[in-house]
Amino acid sequence: MTENLKTIRELAEELGVSKKKIHYQVSKLDTDLIQRLDGTIYLDKSAISKIKSSMGYTSMVRVDTSNIQNRHELDSILDNEKNKLINYLKKQLDKKDSQLSTKDEQIKSLVEINKQTQNLLDQQQMLALQDKNLLEEYKSEIKKLKSLNILKQGSEKDDYIPKENPVAGTKKKKKKWWFF
């Protein structure tokens, strides 16, 4: 059963990477691709191929040179594998280029949004300054009106002089409070 399965250590040794790297890739896999027996994690062929593809490894064909009679056959197999690798790398570069163009578009839109936000902020500050100036004008007008009103009231008080009380000539007796 375990001849078709590999442990994390075996796969790490085969790929020449650390066990931590393989363990990280395993953590991203579905649990149905992983088998646990006695605390050991075993990976099947599909899990191994997914790990290899996520780490950028291509499926290279191992060729037994003892079975090949002709050097020309070996060169054609190697050329074929090189072409596969080149095509894979081209696809990866195209993928990265499309991601970069998408990021460039996103950056442009964010810059435009930033400009709009700055413009709105400037407008808000101008309106706040206008409001402040209007408030100051209103306050000064209110002070002027109050001062005019106080002067007007003061002149009316000067015009009013109370007349003497005709009964004032008679003396009133002061009553003492303790008689009550």
N, C-alpha and C. Protein backbone atom coordinates (compact mmCIF):
# COMPACT_ATOMS: atom_id res chain seq x y z
N MET A 1 0.82 -1.18 0.00
CA MET A 1 0.00 0.00 0.00
C MET A 1 0.86 1.25 0.00
N THR A 2 1.94 1.23 0.79
CA THR A 2 2.77 2.42 0.90
C THR A 2 3.76 2.56 -0.24
N GLU A 3 3.80 1.58 -1.17
CA GLU A 3 4.74 1.72 -2.28
C GLU A 3 4.31 2.82 -3.25
N ASN A 4 3.02 3.14 -3.32
CA ASN A 4 2.53 4.23 -4.17
C ASN A 4 2.51 5.56 -3.42
N LEU A 5 2.77 5.52 -2.14
CA LEU A 5 2.70 6.72 -1.32
C LEU A 5 4.10 7.14 -0.88
N LYS A 6 4.26 8.45 -0.62
CA LYS A 6 5.54 8.97 -0.15
C LYS A 6 5.29 9.80 1.10
N THR A 7 6.29 9.82 1.96
CA THR A 7 6.21 10.68 3.13
C THR A 7 6.74 12.06 2.78
N ILE A 8 6.56 12.99 3.70
CA ILE A 8 7.05 14.35 3.49
C ILE A 8 8.56 14.35 3.37
N ARG A 9 9.22 13.54 4.19
CA ARG A 9 10.68 13.47 4.15
C ARG A 9 11.17 12.94 2.80
N GLU A 10 10.54 11.87 2.31
CA GLU A 10 10.95 11.30 1.03
C GLU A 10 10.77 12.31 -0.11
N LEU A 11 9.66 13.01 -0.10
CA LEU A 11 9.42 13.99 -1.16
C LEU A 11 10.40 15.16 -1.06
N ALA A 12 10.70 15.58 0.16
CA ALA A 12 11.66 16.68 0.35
C ALA A 12 13.04 16.27 -0.15
N GLU A 13 13.46 15.05 0.14
CA GLU A 13 14.76 14.57 -0.34
C GLU A 13 14.77 14.46 -1.86
N GLU A 14 13.67 14.01 -2.42
CA GLU A 14 13.59 13.85 -3.87
C GLU A 14 13.68 15.21 -4.58
N LEU A 15 13.01 16.22 -4.03
CA LEU A 15 13.00 17.54 -4.66
C LEU A 15 14.17 18.40 -4.22
N GLY A 16 14.85 18.01 -3.16
CA GLY A 16 16.00 18.77 -2.68
C GLY A 16 15.59 20.05 -1.95
N VAL A 17 14.48 19.99 -1.22
CA VAL A 17 14.02 21.14 -0.44
C VAL A 17 13.82 20.69 1.01
N SER A 18 13.51 21.65 1.86
CA SER A 18 13.34 21.32 3.28
C SER A 18 11.97 20.68 3.53
N LYS A 19 11.89 19.98 4.64
CA LYS A 19 10.62 19.36 5.02
C LYS A 19 9.56 20.41 5.34
N LYS A 20 10.00 21.55 5.84
CA LYS A 20 9.06 22.63 6.17
C LYS A 20 8.35 23.13 4.92
N LYS A 21 9.10 23.23 3.82
CA LYS A 21 8.49 23.69 2.57
C LYS A 21 7.42 22.70 2.11
N ILE A 22 7.74 21.44 2.18
CA ILE A 22 6.78 20.42 1.77
C ILE A 22 5.58 20.42 2.72
N HIS A 23 5.85 20.55 3.99
CA HIS A 23 4.76 20.57 4.99
C HIS A 23 3.83 21.75 4.74
N TYR A 24 4.39 22.90 4.37
CA TYR A 24 3.57 24.07 4.06
C TYR A 24 2.68 23.79 2.85
N GLN A 25 3.25 23.17 1.82
CA GLN A 25 2.46 22.84 0.63
C GLN A 25 1.37 21.82 0.96
N VAL A 26 1.68 20.89 1.86
CA VAL A 26 0.70 19.88 2.26
C VAL A 26 -0.45 20.54 3.00
N SER A 27 -0.15 21.58 3.79
CA SER A 27 -1.21 22.24 4.55
C SER A 27 -2.22 22.93 3.62
N LYS A 28 -1.81 23.25 2.39
CA LYS A 28 -2.71 23.89 1.44
C LYS A 28 -3.55 22.87 0.66
N LEU A 29 -3.24 21.59 0.77
CA LEU A 29 -3.96 20.56 0.02
C LEU A 29 -5.27 20.16 0.71
N ASP A 30 -6.14 19.54 -0.08
CA ASP A 30 -7.36 18.97 0.50
C ASP A 30 -6.98 17.77 1.36
N THR A 31 -7.79 17.54 2.37
CA THR A 31 -7.48 16.44 3.29
C THR A 31 -7.71 15.07 2.66
N ASP A 32 -8.49 15.00 1.58
CA ASP A 32 -8.72 13.69 0.95
C ASP A 32 -7.51 13.21 0.16
N LEU A 33 -6.55 14.09 -0.11
CA LEU A 33 -5.32 13.69 -0.81
C LEU A 33 -4.24 13.21 0.16
N ILE A 34 -4.48 13.40 1.43
CA ILE A 34 -3.48 13.06 2.46
C ILE A 34 -3.98 11.85 3.24
N GLN A 35 -3.05 10.95 3.52
CA GLN A 35 -3.39 9.80 4.35
C GLN A 35 -2.49 9.80 5.58
N ARG A 36 -3.08 9.60 6.73
CA ARG A 36 -2.31 9.58 7.97
C ARG A 36 -2.37 8.16 8.56
N LEU A 37 -1.19 7.60 8.77
CA LEU A 37 -1.09 6.29 9.39
C LEU A 37 -0.04 6.36 10.49
N ASP A 38 -0.44 6.04 11.69
CA ASP A 38 0.46 6.04 12.85
C ASP A 38 1.19 7.38 13.01
N GLY A 39 0.50 8.47 12.75
CA GLY A 39 1.09 9.80 12.93
C GLY A 39 1.97 10.23 11.77
N THR A 40 2.11 9.42 10.74
CA THR A 40 2.93 9.75 9.58
C THR A 40 2.01 10.16 8.44
N ILE A 41 2.39 11.21 7.75
CA ILE A 41 1.60 11.70 6.63
C ILE A 41 2.13 11.07 5.35
N TYR A 42 1.21 10.45 4.59
CA TYR A 42 1.56 9.86 3.31
C TYR A 42 0.83 10.61 2.20
N LEU A 43 1.56 10.84 1.11
CA LEU A 43 1.00 11.57 -0.02
C LEU A 43 0.89 10.65 -1.22
N ASP A 44 -0.26 10.73 -1.91
CA ASP A 44 -0.40 9.91 -3.11
C ASP A 44 0.13 10.68 -4.32
N LYS A 45 0.03 10.06 -5.50
CA LYS A 45 0.63 10.65 -6.70
C LYS A 45 -0.02 11.98 -7.06
N SER A 46 -1.32 12.09 -6.90
CA SER A 46 -1.98 13.36 -7.25
C SER A 46 -1.55 14.48 -6.30
N ALA A 47 -1.38 14.16 -5.02
CA ALA A 47 -0.92 15.16 -4.06
C ALA A 47 0.51 15.59 -4.39
N ILE A 48 1.33 14.63 -4.74
CA ILE A 48 2.72 14.94 -5.09
C ILE A 48 2.78 15.82 -6.33
N SER A 49 1.96 15.51 -7.33
CA SER A 49 1.97 16.34 -8.55
C SER A 49 1.47 17.75 -8.26
N LYS A 50 0.47 17.89 -7.39
CA LYS A 50 -0.01 19.24 -7.03
C LYS A 50 1.06 20.01 -6.28
N ILE A 51 1.75 19.36 -5.39
CA ILE A 51 2.83 20.02 -4.64
C ILE A 51 3.93 20.46 -5.59
N LYS A 52 4.30 19.57 -6.50
CA LYS A 52 5.35 19.91 -7.45
C LYS A 52 4.94 21.08 -8.34
N SER A 53 3.70 21.07 -8.80
CA SER A 53 3.26 22.16 -9.69
C SER A 53 3.17 23.48 -8.92
N SER A 54 2.75 23.45 -7.65
CA SER A 54 2.67 24.69 -6.88
C SER A 54 4.06 25.22 -6.54
N MET A 55 5.05 24.34 -6.50
CA MET A 55 6.42 24.78 -6.21
C MET A 55 7.18 25.11 -7.50
N GLY A 56 6.56 24.91 -8.66
CA GLY A 56 7.20 25.28 -9.91
C GLY A 56 7.99 24.16 -10.56
N TYR A 57 7.84 22.94 -10.07
CA TYR A 57 8.54 21.82 -10.69
C TYR A 57 7.69 21.28 -11.84
N THR A 58 8.35 20.91 -12.92
CA THR A 58 7.64 20.29 -14.03
C THR A 58 7.91 18.81 -13.99
N SER A 59 7.05 18.09 -14.60
CA SER A 59 7.24 16.64 -14.59
C SER A 59 8.29 16.27 -15.62
N MET A 60 9.46 16.09 -15.16
CA MET A 60 10.56 15.72 -16.05
C MET A 60 10.57 14.19 -16.19
N VAL A 61 10.77 13.74 -17.38
CA VAL A 61 10.81 12.31 -17.64
C VAL A 61 12.21 11.82 -17.37
N ARG A 62 12.29 10.82 -16.54
CA ARG A 62 13.60 10.22 -16.29
C ARG A 62 13.84 9.16 -17.38
N VAL A 63 14.95 9.33 -18.01
CA VAL A 63 15.26 8.46 -19.14
C VAL A 63 16.40 7.53 -18.74
N ASP A 64 16.18 6.29 -18.97
CA ASP A 64 17.22 5.30 -18.72
C ASP A 64 18.06 5.20 -20.00
N THR A 65 19.27 5.71 -19.94
CA THR A 65 20.11 5.78 -21.14
C THR A 65 20.60 4.41 -21.60
N SER A 66 20.49 3.41 -20.76
CA SER A 66 20.94 2.08 -21.19
C SER A 66 19.99 1.49 -22.22
N ASN A 67 18.72 1.90 -22.20
CA ASN A 67 17.76 1.38 -23.16
C ASN A 67 17.80 2.12 -24.50
N ILE A 68 18.44 3.26 -24.53
CA ILE A 68 18.47 4.04 -25.76
C ILE A 68 19.72 3.66 -26.55
N GLN A 69 19.49 3.28 -27.77
CA GLN A 69 20.60 2.84 -28.61
C GLN A 69 21.28 4.00 -29.31
N ASN A 70 20.53 5.02 -29.53
CA ASN A 70 21.03 6.07 -30.37
C ASN A 70 21.11 7.38 -29.59
N ARG A 71 22.18 8.08 -29.75
CA ARG A 71 22.35 9.39 -29.10
C ARG A 71 21.34 10.39 -29.64
N HIS A 72 20.95 10.19 -30.88
CA HIS A 72 19.98 11.07 -31.51
C HIS A 72 18.63 10.98 -30.78
N GLU A 73 18.23 9.81 -30.37
CA GLU A 73 16.97 9.64 -29.63
C GLU A 73 17.04 10.38 -28.29
N LEU A 74 18.17 10.28 -27.62
CA LEU A 74 18.34 10.97 -26.35
C LEU A 74 18.26 12.48 -26.53
N ASP A 75 18.89 13.00 -27.58
CA ASP A 75 18.83 14.43 -27.84
C ASP A 75 17.41 14.89 -28.14
N SER A 76 16.67 14.09 -28.88
CA SER A 76 15.29 14.47 -29.20
C SER A 76 14.42 14.46 -27.94
N ILE A 77 14.64 13.51 -27.07
CA ILE A 77 13.87 13.48 -25.82
C ILE A 77 14.22 14.68 -24.96
N LEU A 78 15.52 15.00 -24.86
CA LEU A 78 15.94 16.17 -24.08
C LEU A 78 15.41 17.46 -24.69
N ASP A 79 15.44 17.57 -26.00
CA ASP A 79 14.90 18.76 -26.66
C ASP A 79 13.40 18.89 -26.39
N ASN A 80 12.73 17.77 -26.43
CA ASN A 80 11.29 17.77 -26.15
C ASN A 80 11.02 18.27 -24.73
N GLU A 81 11.80 17.79 -23.77
CA GLU A 81 11.64 18.21 -22.38
C GLU A 81 12.02 19.69 -22.21
N LYS A 82 13.04 20.13 -22.92
CA LYS A 82 13.41 21.55 -22.88
C LYS A 82 12.28 22.42 -23.42
N ASN A 83 11.69 21.97 -24.51
CA ASN A 83 10.58 22.72 -25.10
C ASN A 83 9.39 22.78 -24.13
N LYS A 84 9.13 21.67 -23.47
CA LYS A 84 8.04 21.67 -22.48
C LYS A 84 8.34 22.66 -21.36
N LEU A 85 9.58 22.65 -20.91
CA LEU A 85 9.97 23.56 -19.84
C LEU A 85 9.89 25.02 -20.31
N ILE A 86 10.35 25.28 -21.51
CA ILE A 86 10.29 26.64 -22.05
C ILE A 86 8.84 27.09 -22.19
N ASN A 87 7.98 26.22 -22.69
CA ASN A 87 6.57 26.56 -22.82
C ASN A 87 5.94 26.84 -21.46
N TYR A 88 6.30 26.02 -20.50
CA TYR A 88 5.78 26.24 -19.14
C TYR A 88 6.24 27.59 -18.60
N LEU A 89 7.51 27.90 -18.78
CA LEU A 89 8.03 29.18 -18.31
C LEU A 89 7.39 30.36 -19.05
N LYS A 90 7.14 30.20 -20.35
CA LYS A 90 6.46 31.25 -21.11
C LYS A 90 5.05 31.49 -20.58
N LYS A 91 4.36 30.39 -20.29
CA LYS A 91 3.02 30.53 -19.72
C LYS A 91 3.07 31.26 -18.38
N GLN A 92 4.06 30.92 -17.57
CA GLN A 92 4.19 31.58 -16.26
C GLN A 92 4.49 33.07 -16.44
N LEU A 93 5.36 33.40 -17.42
CA LEU A 93 5.67 34.81 -17.69
C LEU A 93 4.44 35.56 -18.19
N ASP A 94 3.67 34.92 -19.08
CA ASP A 94 2.45 35.56 -19.56
C ASP A 94 1.47 35.80 -18.41
N LYS A 95 1.40 34.83 -17.55
CA LYS A 95 0.52 34.95 -16.37
C LYS A 95 0.97 36.13 -15.51
N LYS A 96 2.26 36.23 -15.28
CA LYS A 96 2.80 37.33 -14.47
C LYS A 96 2.59 38.67 -15.17
N ASP A 97 2.76 38.69 -16.50
CA ASP A 97 2.53 39.93 -17.25
C ASP A 97 1.08 40.39 -17.13
N SER A 98 0.16 39.45 -17.23
CA SER A 98 -1.25 39.82 -17.10
C SER A 98 -1.54 40.30 -15.69
N GLN A 99 -0.93 39.69 -14.69
CA GLN A 99 -1.11 40.14 -13.31
C GLN A 99 -0.54 41.55 -13.14
N LEU A 100 0.62 41.80 -13.75
CA LEU A 100 1.23 43.13 -13.65
C LEU A 100 0.36 44.19 -14.33
N SER A 101 -0.19 43.86 -15.48
CA SER A 101 -1.04 44.84 -16.16
C SER A 101 -2.30 45.11 -15.34
N THR A 102 -2.84 44.08 -14.71
CA THR A 102 -3.99 44.28 -13.83
C THR A 102 -3.62 45.17 -12.66
N LYS A 103 -2.47 44.93 -12.08
CA LYS A 103 -2.00 45.76 -10.96
C LYS A 103 -1.78 47.20 -11.40
N ASP A 104 -1.23 47.39 -12.61
CA ASP A 104 -1.03 48.74 -13.13
C ASP A 104 -2.36 49.48 -13.27
N GLU A 105 -3.37 48.79 -13.78
CA GLU A 105 -4.70 49.40 -13.91
C GLU A 105 -5.26 49.75 -12.54
N GLN A 106 -5.08 48.86 -11.58
CA GLN A 106 -5.57 49.13 -10.23
C GLN A 106 -4.86 50.33 -9.62
N ILE A 107 -3.57 50.43 -9.85
CA ILE A 107 -2.80 51.56 -9.32
C ILE A 107 -3.28 52.86 -9.96
N LYS A 108 -3.52 52.84 -11.27
CA LYS A 108 -4.02 54.04 -11.95
C LYS A 108 -5.36 54.47 -11.37
N SER A 109 -6.25 53.52 -11.16
CA SER A 109 -7.56 53.88 -10.62
C SER A 109 -7.43 54.40 -9.19
N LEU A 110 -6.53 53.83 -8.40
CA LEU A 110 -6.33 54.32 -7.04
C LEU A 110 -5.74 55.72 -7.03
N VAL A 111 -4.85 56.01 -7.97
CA VAL A 111 -4.28 57.36 -8.07
C VAL A 111 -5.39 58.35 -8.42
N GLU A 112 -6.26 57.97 -9.35
CA GLU A 112 -7.37 58.84 -9.73
C GLU A 112 -8.32 59.07 -8.56
N ILE A 113 -8.61 58.03 -7.83
CA ILE A 113 -9.47 58.15 -6.64
C ILE A 113 -8.81 59.06 -5.61
N ASN A 114 -7.50 58.92 -5.46
CA ASN A 114 -6.76 59.76 -4.52
C ASN A 114 -6.85 61.23 -4.92
N LYS A 115 -6.74 61.50 -6.23
CA LYS A 115 -6.85 62.88 -6.71
C LYS A 115 -8.24 63.44 -6.43
N GLN A 116 -9.26 62.64 -6.68
CA GLN A 116 -10.63 63.07 -6.43
C GLN A 116 -10.85 63.35 -4.95
N THR A 117 -10.32 62.48 -4.12
CA THR A 117 -10.46 62.65 -2.67
C THR A 117 -9.76 63.93 -2.22
N GLN A 118 -8.59 64.19 -2.76
CA GLN A 118 -7.86 65.41 -2.41
C GLN A 118 -8.63 66.64 -2.85
N ASN A 119 -9.23 66.58 -4.04
CA ASN A 119 -10.02 67.69 -4.54
C ASN A 119 -11.23 67.95 -3.63
N LEU A 120 -11.90 66.88 -3.23
CA LEU A 120 -13.04 67.02 -2.33
C LEU A 120 -12.63 67.58 -0.98
N LEU A 121 -11.49 67.15 -0.50
CA LEU A 121 -10.99 67.66 0.78
C LEU A 121 -10.69 69.15 0.67
N ASP A 122 -10.08 69.57 -0.43
CA ASP A 122 -9.80 71.00 -0.64
C ASP A 122 -11.10 71.80 -0.68
N GLN A 123 -12.11 71.28 -1.38
CA GLN A 123 -13.39 71.97 -1.44
C GLN A 123 -14.04 72.07 -0.06
N GLN A 124 -13.94 71.01 0.71
CA GLN A 124 -14.51 71.01 2.06
C GLN A 124 -13.81 72.05 2.93
N GLN A 125 -12.51 72.14 2.82
CA GLN A 125 -11.78 73.13 3.60
C GLN A 125 -12.14 74.55 3.19
N MET A 126 -12.34 74.77 1.88
CA MET A 126 -12.73 76.11 1.42
C MET A 126 -14.11 76.47 1.96
N LEU A 127 -15.04 75.52 1.93
CA LEU A 127 -16.37 75.79 2.46
C LEU A 127 -16.34 76.07 3.96
N ALA A 128 -15.52 75.33 4.67
CA ALA A 128 -15.40 75.56 6.11
C ALA A 128 -14.85 76.96 6.38
N LEU A 129 -13.89 77.39 5.58
CA LEU A 129 -13.32 78.73 5.74
C LEU A 129 -14.37 79.79 5.43
N GLN A 130 -15.17 79.57 4.38
CA GLN A 130 -16.23 80.51 4.05
C GLN A 130 -17.26 80.59 5.19
N ASP A 131 -17.60 79.44 5.75
CA ASP A 131 -18.54 79.42 6.89
C ASP A 131 -17.98 80.19 8.07
N LYS A 132 -16.72 80.01 8.32
CA LYS A 132 -16.09 80.71 9.45
C LYS A 132 -16.12 82.22 9.22
N ASN A 133 -15.81 82.65 8.01
CA ASN A 133 -15.84 84.08 7.69
C ASN A 133 -17.25 84.65 7.83
N LEU A 134 -18.24 83.89 7.36
CA LEU A 134 -19.63 84.34 7.50
C LEU A 134 -20.02 84.47 8.96
N LEU A 135 -19.62 83.50 9.77
CA LEU A 135 -19.92 83.57 11.20
C LEU A 135 -19.29 84.80 11.84
N GLU A 136 -18.07 85.10 11.45
CA GLU A 136 -17.40 86.28 12.00
C GLU A 136 -18.14 87.55 11.58
N GLU A 137 -18.59 87.60 10.32
CA GLU A 137 -19.35 88.76 9.86
C GLU A 137 -20.65 88.90 10.65
N TYR A 138 -21.34 87.79 10.83
CA TYR A 138 -22.61 87.82 11.57
C TYR A 138 -22.38 88.28 13.00
N LYS A 139 -21.32 87.79 13.63
CA LYS A 139 -21.01 88.19 15.01
C LYS A 139 -20.75 89.70 15.09
N SER A 140 -19.98 90.22 14.12
CA SER A 140 -19.69 91.65 14.15
C SER A 140 -20.96 92.47 13.92
N GLU A 141 -21.84 91.99 13.03
CA GLU A 141 -23.09 92.68 12.80
C GLU A 141 -23.97 92.66 14.04
N ILE A 142 -24.00 91.52 14.70
CA ILE A 142 -24.80 91.40 15.94
C ILE A 142 -24.26 92.35 17.00
N LYS A 143 -22.94 92.44 17.12
CA LYS A 143 -22.36 93.37 18.10
C LYS A 143 -22.72 94.81 17.76
N LYS A 144 -22.68 95.16 16.48
CA LYS A 144 -23.04 96.51 16.07
C LYS A 144 -24.50 96.80 16.41
N LEU A 145 -25.37 95.82 16.12
CA LEU A 145 -26.79 96.02 16.41
C LEU A 145 -27.03 96.16 17.91
N LYS A 146 -26.33 95.35 18.70
CA LYS A 146 -26.49 95.44 20.15
C LYS A 146 -26.01 96.79 20.66
N SER A 147 -24.90 97.27 20.15
CA SER A 147 -24.39 98.57 20.61
C SER A 147 -25.34 99.69 20.20
N LEU A 148 -25.92 99.62 19.02
CA LEU A 148 -26.90 100.61 18.60
C LEU A 148 -28.14 100.56 19.48
N ASN A 149 -28.56 99.37 19.81
CA ASN A 149 -29.75 99.18 20.64
C ASN A 149 -29.50 99.71 22.05
N ILE A 150 -28.32 99.49 22.59
CA ILE A 150 -27.99 99.98 23.93
C ILE A 150 -27.96 101.50 23.92
N LEU A 151 -27.38 102.11 22.91
CA LEU A 151 -27.35 103.57 22.81
C LEU A 151 -28.76 104.13 22.71
N LYS A 152 -29.61 103.48 21.94
CA LYS A 152 -30.98 103.92 21.77
C LYS A 152 -31.73 103.85 23.10
N GLN A 153 -31.54 102.76 23.82
CA GLN A 153 -32.21 102.60 25.11
C GLN A 153 -31.67 103.62 26.11
N GLY A 154 -30.40 103.89 26.06
CA GLY A 154 -29.79 104.87 26.96
C GLY A 154 -30.37 106.25 26.72
N SER A 155 -30.62 106.63 25.51
CA SER A 155 -31.16 107.96 25.22
C SER A 155 -32.61 108.05 25.68
N GLU A 156 -33.35 106.95 25.60
CA GLU A 156 -34.72 106.94 26.09
C GLU A 156 -34.76 107.10 27.59
N LYS A 157 -33.83 106.52 28.34
CA LYS A 157 -33.79 106.64 29.79
C LYS A 157 -33.48 108.07 30.21
N ASP A 158 -32.65 108.75 29.43
CA ASP A 158 -32.32 110.13 29.74
C ASP A 158 -33.54 111.03 29.58
N ASP A 159 -34.39 110.70 28.62
CA ASP A 159 -35.59 111.51 28.40
C ASP A 159 -36.59 111.34 29.55
N TYR A 160 -36.59 110.23 30.16
CA TYR A 160 -37.57 109.97 31.23
C TYR A 160 -36.98 110.37 32.56
N ILE A 161 -37.53 111.41 33.13
CA ILE A 161 -37.12 111.85 34.46
C ILE A 161 -38.35 111.73 35.34
N PRO A 162 -38.26 110.99 36.41
CA PRO A 162 -39.45 110.82 37.26
C PRO A 162 -39.81 112.13 37.95
N LYS A 163 -41.12 112.36 38.05
CA LYS A 163 -41.61 113.56 38.72
C LYS A 163 -41.64 113.29 40.20
N GLU A 164 -41.54 114.37 40.94
CA GLU A 164 -41.55 114.22 42.40
C GLU A 164 -42.93 113.82 42.85
N ASN A 165 -42.95 113.03 43.85
CA ASN A 165 -44.20 112.55 44.42
C ASN A 165 -44.83 113.67 45.24
N PRO A 166 -46.09 114.02 44.92
CA PRO A 166 -46.69 115.10 45.68
C PRO A 166 -46.91 114.73 47.12
N VAL A 167 -46.99 113.49 47.42
CA VAL A 167 -47.22 113.05 48.79
C VAL A 167 -45.91 112.97 49.52
N ALA A 168 -44.87 113.18 48.86
CA ALA A 168 -43.56 113.04 49.47
C ALA A 168 -43.33 114.09 50.53
N GLY A 169 -44.02 115.18 50.45
CA GLY A 169 -43.85 116.21 51.43
C GLY A 169 -44.33 115.79 52.80
N THR A 170 -45.28 114.92 52.87
CA THR A 170 -45.77 114.45 54.16
C THR A 170 -44.87 113.35 54.65
N LYS A 171 -44.59 113.40 55.89
CA LYS A 171 -43.71 112.38 56.46
C LYS A 171 -44.52 111.16 56.83
N LYS A 172 -43.97 110.07 56.53
CA LYS A 172 -44.57 108.80 56.92
C LYS A 172 -43.92 108.37 58.21
N LYS A 173 -44.72 107.83 59.00
CA LYS A 173 -44.18 107.30 60.25
C LYS A 173 -43.67 105.91 59.96
N LYS A 174 -42.53 105.72 60.46
CA LYS A 174 -41.98 104.38 60.30
C LYS A 174 -42.54 103.52 61.42
N LYS A 175 -43.03 102.43 61.04
CA LYS A 175 -43.55 101.50 62.03
C LYS A 175 -42.48 100.52 62.37
N LYS A 176 -42.44 100.21 63.59
CA LYS A 176 -41.45 99.26 64.05
C LYS A 176 -42.06 97.87 63.98
N TRP A 177 -41.30 96.98 63.67
CA TRP A 177 -41.81 95.64 63.41
C TRP A 177 -42.19 94.89 64.67
N TRP A 178 -41.63 95.27 65.80
CA TRP A 178 -41.92 94.48 66.99
C TRP A 178 -43.28 94.76 67.59
N PHE A 179 -43.96 95.82 67.11
CA PHE A 179 -45.32 96.07 67.60
C PHE A 179 -46.34 95.13 66.99
N PHE A 180 -46.01 94.54 65.92
CA PHE A 180 -46.99 93.69 65.25
C PHE A 180 -47.13 92.43 65.97
